[in-house]
Protein backbone atom coordinates (compact mmCIF):
# COMPACT_ATOMS: atom_id res chain seq x y z
CA MET A 1 21.31 -2.09 9.08
CA ASP A 2 20.07 -0.03 6.16
CA LYS A 3 19.72 3.62 7.11
CA ILE A 4 16.63 5.10 5.46
CA THR A 5 16.28 8.81 4.83
CA LYS A 6 13.51 10.76 3.12
CA THR A 7 15.75 11.65 0.21
CA ALA A 8 16.52 7.96 -0.42
CA LEU A 9 12.92 6.81 -0.23
CA LYS A 10 10.76 6.20 -3.25
CA ALA A 11 7.00 5.64 -3.20
CA ILE A 12 5.07 2.83 -4.86
CA ILE A 13 1.35 3.18 -5.44
CA LEU A 14 -0.52 0.03 -6.46
CA ALA A 15 -3.45 1.23 -8.58
CA ALA A 16 -4.17 -1.57 -11.05
CA GLY A 17 -7.41 -2.95 -9.60
CA VAL A 18 -10.93 -2.68 -10.96
CA GLY A 19 -12.76 -1.76 -7.74
CA SER A 20 -15.66 -4.05 -8.56
CA ARG A 21 -17.27 -3.88 -5.12
CA ILE A 22 -17.93 -0.17 -5.44
CA ARG A 23 -19.53 -0.25 -8.87
CA PRO A 24 -21.17 1.57 -10.58
CA LEU A 25 -18.88 4.35 -9.25
CA THR A 26 -15.92 2.65 -10.91
CA ASP A 27 -17.58 1.70 -14.20
CA ASN A 28 -15.88 4.63 -15.94
CA CYS A 29 -13.56 5.96 -13.24
CA PRO A 30 -10.62 4.29 -11.51
CA LYS A 31 -11.25 3.94 -7.76
CA SER A 32 -8.16 6.02 -6.97
CA LEU A 33 -9.70 8.98 -8.80
CA LEU A 34 -12.98 8.96 -6.86
CA THR A 35 -13.44 12.18 -4.93
CA VAL A 36 -13.34 12.06 -1.13
CA ALA A 37 -14.21 15.25 0.74
CA GLY A 38 -13.70 17.32 -2.39
CA MET A 39 -10.40 15.79 -3.53
CA PRO A 40 -9.53 12.69 -5.59
CA ILE A 41 -8.06 9.92 -3.46
CA LEU A 42 -4.89 9.85 -5.54
CA GLU A 43 -4.40 13.62 -5.36
CA ARG A 44 -4.55 13.56 -1.55
CA MET A 45 -2.14 10.60 -1.45
CA ILE A 46 0.40 12.22 -3.77
CA GLY A 47 0.15 15.47 -1.82
CA ASN A 48 0.91 13.66 1.43
CA ILE A 49 3.84 11.81 -0.15
CA ARG A 50 5.40 14.98 -1.51
CA ALA A 51 4.81 16.88 1.74
CA CYS A 52 6.83 14.18 3.51
CA GLY A 53 9.82 14.76 1.25
CA ILE A 54 9.48 11.80 -1.15
CA LYS A 55 10.12 13.01 -4.67
CA GLU A 56 9.85 9.90 -6.85
CA ILE A 57 6.67 7.85 -7.25
CA ILE A 58 6.15 4.56 -9.08
CA PHE A 59 2.58 3.79 -10.16
CA VAL A 60 1.39 0.30 -11.06
CA LEU A 61 -1.60 0.69 -13.34
CA GLY A 62 -4.05 -1.64 -15.04
CA TYR A 63 -7.76 -0.83 -15.16
CA LEU A 64 -8.38 2.49 -16.94
CA ASP A 65 -4.63 3.14 -16.77
CA LYS A 66 -4.63 6.08 -19.16
CA GLN A 67 -7.04 8.04 -16.99
CA ILE A 68 -4.71 7.76 -14.03
CA GLU A 69 -1.57 8.53 -16.01
CA GLU A 70 -3.13 11.58 -17.64
CA PHE A 71 -4.44 12.82 -14.28
CA VAL A 72 -1.03 12.54 -12.61
CA LYS A 73 0.82 14.22 -15.49
CA SER A 74 -1.73 17.02 -15.63
CA LYS A 75 -2.05 17.63 -11.88
CA PHE A 76 1.61 17.08 -10.99
CA PRO A 77 3.64 17.97 -14.10
CA ASP A 78 6.93 18.31 -12.19
CA LEU A 79 6.61 15.01 -10.34
CA ASP A 80 9.29 12.34 -10.93
CA THR A 81 7.07 9.47 -12.04
CA HIS A 82 7.32 5.93 -13.38
CA PHE A 83 4.24 4.20 -14.79
CA VAL A 84 4.33 0.42 -14.80
CA LEU A 85 1.54 -1.47 -16.56
CA ASN A 86 0.14 -4.68 -15.14
CA ASP A 87 -1.57 -5.95 -18.27
CA LYS A 88 -2.71 -9.03 -16.32
CA TYR A 89 -4.54 -6.98 -13.72
CA GLN A 90 -7.80 -8.93 -14.17
CA GLU A 91 -6.16 -12.24 -13.27
CA THR A 92 -3.50 -11.17 -10.77
CA ASN A 93 -3.33 -9.46 -7.39
CA THR A 94 -1.15 -7.08 -5.42
CA GLY A 95 1.81 -9.46 -5.14
CA TYR A 96 2.14 -9.61 -8.90
CA SER A 97 1.74 -5.84 -9.23
CA LEU A 98 4.43 -5.15 -6.65
CA MET A 99 6.80 -7.56 -8.40
CA LEU A 100 6.57 -5.45 -11.56
CA THR A 101 8.15 -2.42 -9.84
CA GLU A 102 11.57 -4.00 -9.33
CA ALA A 103 13.30 -2.23 -12.22
CA ALA A 104 11.85 1.16 -11.29
CA VAL A 105 12.75 0.74 -7.61
CA ALA A 106 16.34 0.08 -8.69
CA GLY A 107 17.56 -1.05 -5.29
CA ALA A 108 16.10 1.85 -3.28
CA SER A 109 14.14 1.85 -0.06
CA PHE A 110 10.46 2.57 -0.56
CA VAL A 111 7.08 3.20 1.00
CA LYS A 112 4.30 1.17 -0.56
CA PHE A 113 0.69 2.38 -0.73
CA ASP A 114 -2.52 0.69 -1.76
CA ALA A 115 -4.15 3.30 -3.97
CA ASP A 116 -7.55 3.05 -2.27
CA VAL A 117 -6.35 4.16 1.18
CA VAL A 118 -7.23 7.66 2.35
CA PHE A 119 -5.07 8.71 5.28
CA ASP A 120 -3.95 11.50 7.61
CA ILE A 121 -0.46 12.73 6.70
CA LYS A 122 0.62 12.19 10.33
CA ILE A 123 0.51 8.42 9.64
CA LEU A 124 3.10 8.74 6.90
CA ARG A 125 5.27 11.07 8.97
CA LYS A 126 5.29 8.55 11.84
CA LEU A 127 6.14 5.69 9.47
CA ILE A 128 9.07 7.53 7.87
CA ALA A 129 10.38 8.66 11.25
CA SER A 130 10.36 5.12 12.67
CA PRO A 131 13.83 3.74 13.47
CA PHE A 132 12.79 0.37 12.09
CA ASP A 133 13.77 -0.46 8.52
CA ASN A 134 10.66 -2.50 7.67
CA CYS A 135 7.35 -1.35 9.12
CA LEU A 136 3.65 -2.04 8.71
CA CYS A 137 1.14 0.59 9.86
CA ILE A 138 -1.34 -1.08 12.22
CA ASP A 139 -4.70 0.07 13.54
CA ARG A 140 -5.39 -1.75 16.80
CA ASP A 141 -8.90 -0.35 17.32
CA ILE A 142 -10.86 -1.84 14.48
CA GLN A 143 -13.39 -4.58 13.85
CA LEU A 144 -11.52 -7.53 12.35
CA ASP A 145 -13.44 -9.59 9.82
CA ALA A 146 -12.58 -11.81 6.87
CA GLU A 147 -11.48 -9.02 4.51
CA GLU A 148 -8.94 -7.32 6.76
CA ILE A 149 -5.21 -8.06 6.64
CA LYS A 150 -4.85 -9.14 10.26
CA VAL A 151 -1.50 -9.04 12.05
CA ILE A 152 0.02 -11.14 14.82
CA GLU A 153 3.09 -9.68 16.52
CA ASP A 154 5.52 -10.77 19.22
CA GLU A 155 6.46 -8.93 22.44
CA ASN A 156 8.99 -6.81 20.51
CA CYS A 157 6.39 -5.51 18.00
CA ARG A 158 7.78 -7.78 15.30
CA VAL A 159 5.31 -9.20 12.80
CA LEU A 160 4.77 -12.94 12.96
CA LYS A 161 1.82 -13.22 10.57
CA ALA A 162 -0.03 -10.83 8.25
CA SER A 163 -2.87 -12.13 6.14
CA LYS A 164 -6.63 -12.31 5.73
CA THR A 165 -6.60 -15.86 7.08
CA VAL A 166 -5.20 -14.93 10.52
CA ASN A 167 -7.61 -15.73 13.35
CA PRO A 168 -9.07 -12.37 14.48
CA ALA A 169 -8.87 -13.54 18.10
CA GLU A 170 -5.08 -13.81 17.79
CA ALA A 171 -4.53 -10.56 15.88
CA ILE A 172 -3.52 -7.23 17.39
CA GLY A 173 -5.01 -5.18 14.57
CA GLU A 174 -5.25 -4.51 10.84
CA SER A 175 -2.45 -3.60 8.45
CA ILE A 176 -3.77 -0.55 6.60
CA GLY A 177 -1.86 -1.01 3.34
CA ILE A 178 1.03 1.41 3.91
CA GLU A 179 4.50 -0.06 4.60
CA LYS A 180 8.12 1.05 4.63
CA ILE A 181 10.65 -1.39 3.14
CA SER A 182 14.44 -0.99 3.28
CA SER A 183 16.65 -1.41 0.23
CA ASP A 184 18.21 -4.57 1.70
CA THR A 185 14.79 -6.12 2.27
CA ALA A 186 13.54 -4.91 -1.12
CA LYS A 187 16.12 -7.08 -2.85
CA LEU A 188 14.97 -10.12 -0.91
CA LEU A 189 11.33 -9.19 -1.45
CA PHE A 190 11.56 -8.92 -5.23
CA LYS A 191 13.47 -12.19 -5.40
CA GLU A 192 10.74 -13.88 -3.36
CA LEU A 193 7.95 -12.35 -5.44
CA GLY A 194 9.70 -13.49 -8.63
CA LEU A 195 9.87 -17.05 -7.35
CA MET A 196 6.26 -16.98 -6.23
CA MET A 197 4.92 -15.63 -9.50
CA GLN A 198 6.58 -18.36 -11.55
CA GLN A 199 3.57 -20.41 -10.45
CA THR A 200 0.25 -19.19 -11.78
CA SER A 201 -1.39 -20.51 -8.63
CA ASN A 202 0.27 -17.58 -6.79
CA HIS A 203 -0.92 -14.88 -9.17
CA GLN A 204 -3.84 -14.08 -6.86
CA ALA A 205 -1.58 -13.79 -3.81
CA TYR A 206 -1.31 -10.56 -1.85
CA TYR A 207 2.14 -9.02 -1.30
CA GLU A 208 1.82 -9.86 2.40
CA ALA A 209 2.35 -13.51 1.45
CA ALA A 210 5.90 -12.58 0.38
CA TYR A 211 6.40 -10.64 3.64
CA GLU A 212 5.45 -13.79 5.56
CA ARG A 213 7.89 -15.90 3.56
CA LEU A 214 10.69 -13.46 4.39
CA ILE A 215 9.70 -13.45 8.06
CA GLU A 216 10.00 -17.24 8.12
CA CYS A 217 13.55 -16.84 6.77
CA GLY A 218 14.56 -14.35 9.46
CA THR A 219 13.73 -10.90 8.02
CA PHE A 220 12.18 -8.58 10.60
CA PHE A 221 9.07 -6.51 9.95
CA HIS A 222 7.90 -4.27 12.81
CA THR A 223 4.52 -2.73 13.54
CA ILE A 224 3.85 0.98 13.81
CA ASP A 225 0.75 1.86 15.84
CA ILE A 226 -1.38 4.47 14.07
CA THR A 227 -4.51 3.86 16.14
CA GLY A 228 -6.65 6.98 16.47
CA ARG A 229 -5.47 8.59 13.24
CA ASN A 230 -7.90 9.14 10.40
CA TRP A 231 -7.65 6.59 7.63
CA THR A 232 -9.87 4.22 5.70
CA GLU A 233 -9.54 1.75 2.86
CA ILE A 234 -12.28 2.13 0.29
CA ASP A 235 -13.64 -1.22 -0.86
CA THR A 236 -17.40 -0.76 -0.53
CA HIS A 237 -20.04 1.94 -0.79
CA GLU A 238 -20.14 2.09 3.02
CA ASP A 239 -16.38 2.65 3.10
CA TYR A 240 -16.82 5.48 0.64
CA ARG A 241 -19.51 7.08 2.76
CA VAL A 242 -17.34 6.82 5.88
CA ALA A 243 -14.34 8.29 4.08
CA ASN A 244 -16.29 11.33 2.92
CA TRP A 245 -17.63 11.89 6.44
CA MET A 246 -14.24 11.34 8.10
CA PHE A 247 -12.24 13.69 5.90
CA SER A 248 -14.95 16.31 5.64
CA THR A 249 -14.96 16.66 9.41
CA ALA A 250 -11.20 16.27 9.95
């Protein structure tokens, strides 16, 4: 079993998307740089990552990439960063973006973040402290609709399915877009993503599709219950309103 420590962990932030559903706010500003409760989403995320002892962050950029890169370099000049460009961001999805980080990950364990998730630092602390090598953060108290990544688990809290197509009646909750992946699993994951992305029909696949393929081959992913902690993914104007309320009152 791969022993994961904070010093060994890297962070991956997937920030290539356009954020079309929250336009016009994203017409000239990347979604990750929108301000929530007085602070850009990305600044809060990086602050939480650093406060948890992770020193190296890999960014996958696409839409308005220079704005994000310049913000990070200006706000966090001493941060150990890697910027990876997904120049096909308009025609690909998160699976393709994650695949592009393989060289920068360089065999390490990592925590992966969707760049539009605003979250309480206690969520990340719990994830890192988990004894399980591969973990998905799950909120069990949430309305499950078509857009959520819904998770089915077994009696040992091992993930069986994780996708938008899971029947909400069978799911135990939503995966919030923050996961811990061991170095051993990372090697398998990048191999699987590479195979998937050889077919253009998979370019719109989410990274969870690769998780499911590994699960079918015997790799374990466990769930970490973060129910009750403050977090939200910002896809819509309503999400943005809720995020500002939630973190202004936290």
